[in-house]
Amino acid sequence: MMAIFSPFIHKSGLTAQLPLPSTPSIFSSVLFCFLIEDFYFYWVHRALHWPMWYKYIHKIHHEHAAPFGIAAEYAHPAETLILGLGTVIGPALTIRHLFTLYIWLGLRLYQTIEAHSGYDIPWLFTRYIPFWGGAHFHDFHHETFVGNYSSSFTIWDWVFGTSKQYYSRLEKRKEQGKAKKAA
């Protein structure tokens, strides 16, 4: 892998020289990468649920109806390449320092493991990010195999109406909880 990517890194203009990028530069680059990846992932993931693609490629990933962290990476090689492209688009457009690239890749790996962890941990910093999907949002996708296609945020599912069943279930459970308390 290093033999393949080393020439690419040099030709792409990435540097590992000091000074390190500023905090605002790192933040804006990583935010841009998350937004680009999430939009790309939404559409490609949704396409992978079309019967023609699902049966041969994406079904492998859905063998885990109750996912756990490392199940995030359990996928057909074609799916890994197709969805992995979304992780590369943002950095190819904005990242010019290897340090920022490492931060992006670390946070992206954290995100995918957290979304597949099966736990909605209350003290995680991601709970304070508006529109963050997290494990609860993605667990619904693995349970029902429909909707909630985004990787990080809930925005695209809301905009394109693919999270209606999820929010409907949340509302129903909320009402059931109120009824139990009243009884």
C-alpha atoms as a PDB file:
ATOM      1  CA  MET A   1       0.000   0.000   0.000  1.00  0.00           C
ATOM      2  CA  MET A   2       2.803   2.393   0.856  1.00  0.00           C
ATOM      3  CA  ALA A   3       4.420   1.783  -2.531  1.00  0.00           C
ATOM      4  CA  ILE A   4       1.145   2.689  -4.213  1.00  0.00           C
ATOM      5  CA  PHE A   5       0.253   5.738  -2.135  1.00  0.00           C
ATOM      6  CA  SER A   6       3.690   7.279  -1.576  1.00  0.00           C
ATOM      7  CA  PRO A   7       4.004   8.643  -5.148  1.00  0.00           C
ATOM      8  CA  PHE A   8       0.383   9.834  -5.014  1.00  0.00           C
ATOM      9  CA  ILE A   9       1.015  11.729  -1.772  1.00  0.00           C
ATOM     10  CA  HIS A  10       4.052  13.484  -3.253  1.00  0.00           C
ATOM     11  CA  LYS A  11       2.226  14.382  -6.482  1.00  0.00           C
ATOM     12  CA  SER A  12      -0.900  15.574  -4.648  1.00  0.00           C
ATOM     13  CA  GLY A  13       0.934  18.360  -2.875  1.00  0.00           C
ATOM     14  CA  LEU A  14       0.557  16.927   0.630  1.00  0.00           C
ATOM     15  CA  THR A  15       3.288  18.017   2.974  1.00  0.00           C
ATOM     16  CA  ALA A  16       4.479  16.873   6.364  1.00  0.00           C
ATOM     17  CA  GLN A  17       6.662  19.922   6.972  1.00  0.00           C
ATOM     18  CA  LEU A  18       6.436  22.352   9.866  1.00  0.00           C
ATOM     19  CA  PRO A  19       4.609  24.479  10.756  1.00  0.00           C
ATOM     20  CA  LEU A  20       1.525  22.376  11.398  1.00  0.00           C
ATOM     21  CA  PRO A  21      -1.770  23.728  10.064  1.00  0.00           C
ATOM     22  CA  SER A  22      -3.696  26.090  12.336  1.00  0.00           C
ATOM     23  CA  THR A  23      -6.601  24.810  14.395  1.00  0.00           C
ATOM     24  CA  PRO A  24      -9.181  26.746  12.305  1.00  0.00           C
ATOM     25  CA  SER A  25      -7.636  25.310   9.120  1.00  0.00           C
ATOM     26  CA  ILE A  26      -7.800  21.746  10.462  1.00  0.00           C
ATOM     27  CA  PHE A  27     -11.364  22.257  11.733  1.00  0.00           C
ATOM     28  CA  SER A  28     -12.666  23.702   8.451  1.00  0.00           C
ATOM     29  CA  SER A  29     -10.953  21.017   6.344  1.00  0.00           C
ATOM     30  CA  VAL A  30     -12.269  18.176   8.506  1.00  0.00           C
ATOM     31  CA  LEU A  31     -15.779  19.666   8.589  1.00  0.00           C
ATOM     32  CA  PHE A  32     -15.741  19.986   4.789  1.00  0.00           C
ATOM     33  CA  CYS A  33     -14.579  16.361   4.493  1.00  0.00           C
ATOM     34  CA  PHE A  34     -17.398  15.170   6.773  1.00  0.00           C
ATOM     35  CA  LEU A  35     -20.023  17.079   4.774  1.00  0.00           C
ATOM     36  CA  ILE A  36     -18.740  15.841   1.403  1.00  0.00           C
ATOM     37  CA  GLU A  37     -18.359  12.251   2.624  1.00  0.00           C
ATOM     38  CA  ASP A  38     -21.798  12.243   4.232  1.00  0.00           C
ATOM     39  CA  PHE A  39     -23.528  13.496   1.057  1.00  0.00           C
ATOM     40  CA  TYR A  40     -21.633  11.006  -1.118  1.00  0.00           C
ATOM     41  CA  PHE A  41     -22.219   8.160   1.340  1.00  0.00           C
ATOM     42  CA  TYR A  42     -25.959   8.902   1.531  1.00  0.00           C
ATOM     43  CA  TRP A  43     -26.491   8.509  -2.220  1.00  0.00           C
ATOM     44  CA  VAL A  44     -24.143   5.572  -2.757  1.00  0.00           C
ATOM     45  CA  HIS A  45     -25.400   3.728   0.326  1.00  0.00           C
ATOM     46  CA  ARG A  46     -28.974   4.301  -0.801  1.00  0.00           C
ATOM     47  CA  ALA A  47     -28.057   2.946  -4.261  1.00  0.00           C
ATOM     48  CA  LEU A  48     -26.484  -0.118  -2.646  1.00  0.00           C
ATOM     49  CA  HIS A  49     -29.950  -0.914  -1.260  1.00  0.00           C
ATOM     50  CA  TRP A  50     -31.411  -1.269  -4.749  1.00  0.00           C
ATOM     51  CA  PRO A  51     -32.115  -5.010  -5.176  1.00  0.00           C
ATOM     52  CA  MET A  52     -29.637  -5.374  -8.022  1.00  0.00           C
ATOM     53  CA  TRP A  53     -26.741  -4.042  -5.886  1.00  0.00           C
ATOM     54  CA  TYR A  54     -27.941  -5.202  -2.484  1.00  0.00           C
ATOM     55  CA  LYS A  55     -28.056  -8.903  -3.315  1.00  0.00           C
ATOM     56  CA  TYR A  56     -24.501  -9.082  -4.642  1.00  0.00           C
ATOM     57  CA  ILE A  57     -22.636  -6.384  -2.707  1.00  0.00           C
ATOM     58  CA  HIS A  58     -24.262  -4.750   0.323  1.00  0.00           C
ATOM     59  CA  LYS A  59     -26.053  -7.765   1.795  1.00  0.00           C
ATOM     60  CA  ILE A  60     -22.750  -8.984   3.258  1.00  0.00           C
ATOM     61  CA  HIS A  61     -22.530  -5.882   5.463  1.00  0.00           C
ATOM     62  CA  HIS A  62     -26.106  -6.438   6.646  1.00  0.00           C
ATOM     63  CA  GLU A  63     -25.417  -9.939   7.921  1.00  0.00           C
ATOM     64  CA  HIS A  64     -25.126  -8.188  11.288  1.00  0.00           C
ATOM     65  CA  ALA A  65     -28.651  -7.009  12.144  1.00  0.00           C
ATOM     66  CA  ALA A  66     -27.334  -5.925  15.561  1.00  0.00           C
ATOM     67  CA  PRO A  67     -23.961  -4.470  14.596  1.00  0.00           C
ATOM     68  CA  PHE A  68     -20.889  -4.060  16.773  1.00  0.00           C
ATOM     69  CA  GLY A  69     -17.926  -1.732  16.234  1.00  0.00           C
ATOM     70  CA  ILE A  70     -15.721  -3.754  13.926  1.00  0.00           C
ATOM     71  CA  ALA A  71     -18.748  -4.887  11.873  1.00  0.00           C
ATOM     72  CA  ALA A  72     -18.495  -1.438  10.304  1.00  0.00           C
ATOM     73  CA  GLU A  73     -15.619  -2.744   8.228  1.00  0.00           C
ATOM     74  CA  TYR A  74     -17.254  -6.085   7.386  1.00  0.00           C
ATOM     75  CA  ALA A  75     -18.207  -5.589   3.747  1.00  0.00           C
ATOM     76  CA  HIS A  76     -17.753  -6.844   0.211  1.00  0.00           C
ATOM     77  CA  PRO A  77     -14.468  -5.567  -1.315  1.00  0.00           C
ATOM     78  CA  ALA A  78     -16.434  -3.686  -3.996  1.00  0.00           C
ATOM     79  CA  GLU A  79     -18.430  -1.905  -1.281  1.00  0.00           C
ATOM     80  CA  THR A  80     -15.238  -0.977   0.541  1.00  0.00           C
ATOM     81  CA  LEU A  81     -13.857   0.588  -2.641  1.00  0.00           C
ATOM     82  CA  ILE A  82     -17.113   2.299  -3.640  1.00  0.00           C
ATOM     83  CA  LEU A  83     -17.881   3.794  -0.214  1.00  0.00           C
ATOM     84  CA  GLY A  84     -14.208   4.423   0.519  1.00  0.00           C
ATOM     85  CA  LEU A  85     -14.090   6.844  -2.390  1.00  0.00           C
ATOM     86  CA  GLY A  86     -16.273   9.211  -0.350  1.00  0.00           C
ATOM     87  CA  THR A  87     -13.638   9.279   2.371  1.00  0.00           C
ATOM     88  CA  VAL A  88     -11.018  10.353  -0.189  1.00  0.00           C
ATOM     89  CA  ILE A  89     -12.935  13.050  -2.122  1.00  0.00           C
ATOM     90  CA  GLY A  90     -12.866  15.695   0.624  1.00  0.00           C
ATOM     91  CA  PRO A  91      -9.149  15.374   1.387  1.00  0.00           C
ATOM     92  CA  ALA A  92      -8.299  15.397  -2.329  1.00  0.00           C
ATOM     93  CA  LEU A  93     -10.074  18.763  -2.618  1.00  0.00           C
ATOM     94  CA  THR A  94      -8.969  20.493   0.588  1.00  0.00           C
ATOM     95  CA  ILE A  95      -6.290  18.813   2.665  1.00  0.00           C
ATOM     96  CA  ARG A  96      -2.684  19.835   2.008  1.00  0.00           C
ATOM     97  CA  HIS A  97      -0.983  18.621   5.195  1.00  0.00           C
ATOM     98  CA  LEU A  98      -0.497  15.031   6.287  1.00  0.00           C
ATOM     99  CA  PHE A  99      -1.317  15.959   9.896  1.00  0.00           C
ATOM    100  CA  THR A 100      -4.818  17.131   8.855  1.00  0.00           C
ATOM    101  CA  LEU A 101      -5.267  13.983   6.766  1.00  0.00           C
ATOM    102  CA  TYR A 102      -4.448  11.815   9.804  1.00  0.00           C
ATOM    103  CA  ILE A 103      -6.969  13.712  11.924  1.00  0.00           C
ATOM    104  CA  TRP A 104      -9.649  13.291   9.234  1.00  0.00           C
ATOM    105  CA  LEU A 105      -8.991   9.567   8.810  1.00  0.00           C
ATOM    106  CA  GLY A 106      -8.926   9.015  12.585  1.00  0.00           C
ATOM    107  CA  LEU A 107     -12.236  10.825  13.071  1.00  0.00           C
ATOM    108  CA  ARG A 108     -13.801   9.030  10.103  1.00  0.00           C
ATOM    109  CA  LEU A 109     -12.797   5.645  11.507  1.00  0.00           C
ATOM    110  CA  TYR A 110     -14.087   6.694  14.933  1.00  0.00           C
ATOM    111  CA  GLN A 111     -17.409   7.710  13.351  1.00  0.00           C
ATOM    112  CA  THR A 112     -17.973   4.434  11.530  1.00  0.00           C
ATOM    113  CA  ILE A 113     -17.087   2.322  14.572  1.00  0.00           C
ATOM    114  CA  GLU A 114     -19.266   4.465  16.852  1.00  0.00           C
ATOM    115  CA  ALA A 115     -22.234   4.235  14.447  1.00  0.00           C
ATOM    116  CA  HIS A 116     -21.914   0.440  14.450  1.00  0.00           C
ATOM    117  CA  SER A 117     -21.135   0.060  18.163  1.00  0.00           C
ATOM    118  CA  GLY A 118     -24.722  -0.640  19.175  1.00  0.00           C
ATOM    119  CA  TYR A 119     -24.389   1.778  22.106  1.00  0.00           C
ATOM    120  CA  ASP A 120     -25.744   5.282  22.483  1.00  0.00           C
ATOM    121  CA  ILE A 121     -23.125   6.353  25.032  1.00  0.00           C
ATOM    122  CA  PRO A 122     -24.229   9.537  26.844  1.00  0.00           C
ATOM    123  CA  TRP A 123     -20.765  11.006  27.470  1.00  0.00           C
ATOM    124  CA  LEU A 124     -19.448  10.886  23.885  1.00  0.00           C
ATOM    125  CA  PHE A 125     -18.561  14.294  22.439  1.00  0.00           C
ATOM    126  CA  THR A 126     -20.516  13.454  19.281  1.00  0.00           C
ATOM    127  CA  ARG A 127     -23.799  13.712  21.215  1.00  0.00           C
ATOM    128  CA  TYR A 128     -23.255  17.483  21.213  1.00  0.00           C
ATOM    129  CA  ILE A 129     -22.882  17.763  17.435  1.00  0.00           C
ATOM    130  CA  PRO A 130     -26.160  18.893  15.847  1.00  0.00           C
ATOM    131  CA  PHE A 131     -27.660  16.394  13.427  1.00  0.00           C
ATOM    132  CA  TRP A 132     -25.189  13.638  14.408  1.00  0.00           C
ATOM    133  CA  GLY A 133     -26.678  10.219  13.685  1.00  0.00           C
ATOM    134  CA  GLY A 134     -24.704   7.923  15.925  1.00  0.00           C
ATOM    135  CA  ALA A 135     -25.387   4.345  16.911  1.00  0.00           C
ATOM    136  CA  HIS A 136     -29.113   4.693  17.617  1.00  0.00           C
ATOM    137  CA  PHE A 137     -29.797   6.191  14.188  1.00  0.00           C
ATOM    138  CA  HIS A 138     -27.722   3.605  12.334  1.00  0.00           C
ATOM    139  CA  ASP A 139     -28.971   0.656  14.414  1.00  0.00           C
ATOM    140  CA  PHE A 140     -32.451   1.344  13.027  1.00  0.00           C
ATOM    141  CA  HIS A 141     -31.011   1.000   9.521  1.00  0.00           C
ATOM    142  CA  HIS A 142     -29.465  -2.383  10.328  1.00  0.00           C
ATOM    143  CA  GLU A 143     -32.648  -3.560  12.000  1.00  0.00           C
ATOM    144  CA  THR A 144     -35.048  -2.553   9.218  1.00  0.00           C
ATOM    145  CA  PHE A 145     -32.721  -2.365   6.168  1.00  0.00           C
ATOM    146  CA  VAL A 146     -34.457   0.824   5.008  1.00  0.00           C
ATOM    147  CA  GLY A 147     -33.836   4.517   5.544  1.00  0.00           C
ATOM    148  CA  ASN A 148     -31.151   6.210   7.619  1.00  0.00           C
ATOM    149  CA  TYR A 149     -28.589   5.963   4.816  1.00  0.00           C
ATOM    150  CA  SER A 150     -26.241   8.775   5.877  1.00  0.00           C
ATOM    151  CA  SER A 151     -22.969   7.933   7.544  1.00  0.00           C
ATOM    152  CA  SER A 152     -22.519  10.795  10.020  1.00  0.00           C
ATOM    153  CA  PHE A 153     -25.342  13.302  10.034  1.00  0.00           C
ATOM    154  CA  THR A 154     -29.110  12.988   9.847  1.00  0.00           C
ATOM    155  CA  ILE A 155     -29.538  15.942   7.464  1.00  0.00           C
ATOM    156  CA  TRP A 156     -29.726  14.105   4.122  1.00  0.00           C
ATOM    157  CA  ASP A 157     -32.137  11.474   5.422  1.00  0.00           C
ATOM    158  CA  TRP A 158     -34.371  14.256   6.719  1.00  0.00           C
ATOM    159  CA  VAL A 159     -34.136  16.300   3.478  1.00  0.00           C
ATOM    160  CA  PHE A 160     -34.915  13.305   1.253  1.00  0.00           C
ATOM    161  CA  GLY A 161     -37.499  11.749   3.581  1.00  0.00           C
ATOM    162  CA  THR A 162     -35.678   8.491   4.248  1.00  0.00           C
ATOM    163  CA  SER A 163     -35.763   8.782   8.042  1.00  0.00           C
ATOM    164  CA  LYS A 164     -39.547   9.107   8.462  1.00  0.00           C
ATOM    165  CA  GLN A 165     -39.952   5.547   9.770  1.00  0.00           C
ATOM    166  CA  TYR A 166     -37.173   6.126  12.309  1.00  0.00           C
ATOM    167  CA  TYR A 167     -38.714   9.324  13.678  1.00  0.00           C
ATOM    168  CA  SER A 168     -42.159   7.742  13.632  1.00  0.00           C
ATOM    169  CA  ARG A 169     -40.857   4.905  15.792  1.00  0.00           C
ATOM    170  CA  LEU A 170     -39.178   7.359  18.191  1.00  0.00           C
ATOM    171  CA  GLU A 171     -42.441   9.254  18.570  1.00  0.00           C
ATOM    172  CA  LYS A 172     -44.393   6.033  19.146  1.00  0.00           C
ATOM    173  CA  ARG A 173     -41.940   4.906  21.845  1.00  0.00           C
ATOM    174  CA  LYS A 174     -42.099   8.321  23.470  1.00  0.00           C
ATOM    175  CA  GLU A 175     -45.899   8.088  23.643  1.00  0.00           C
ATOM    176  CA  GLN A 176     -45.700   4.536  25.025  1.00  0.00           C
ATOM    177  CA  GLY A 177     -43.311   5.782  27.716  1.00  0.00           C
ATOM    178  CA  LYS A 178     -45.729   8.573  28.683  1.00  0.00           C
ATOM    179  CA  ALA A 179     -48.611   6.064  28.827  1.00  0.00           C
ATOM    180  CA  LYS A 180     -46.585   3.780  31.127  1.00  0.00           C
ATOM    181  CA  LYS A 181     -45.765   6.652  33.472  1.00  0.00           C
ATOM    182  CA  ALA A 182     -49.415   7.720  33.567  1.00  0.00           C
ATOM    183  CA  ALA A 183     -50.576   4.168  34.394  1.00  0.00           C
END
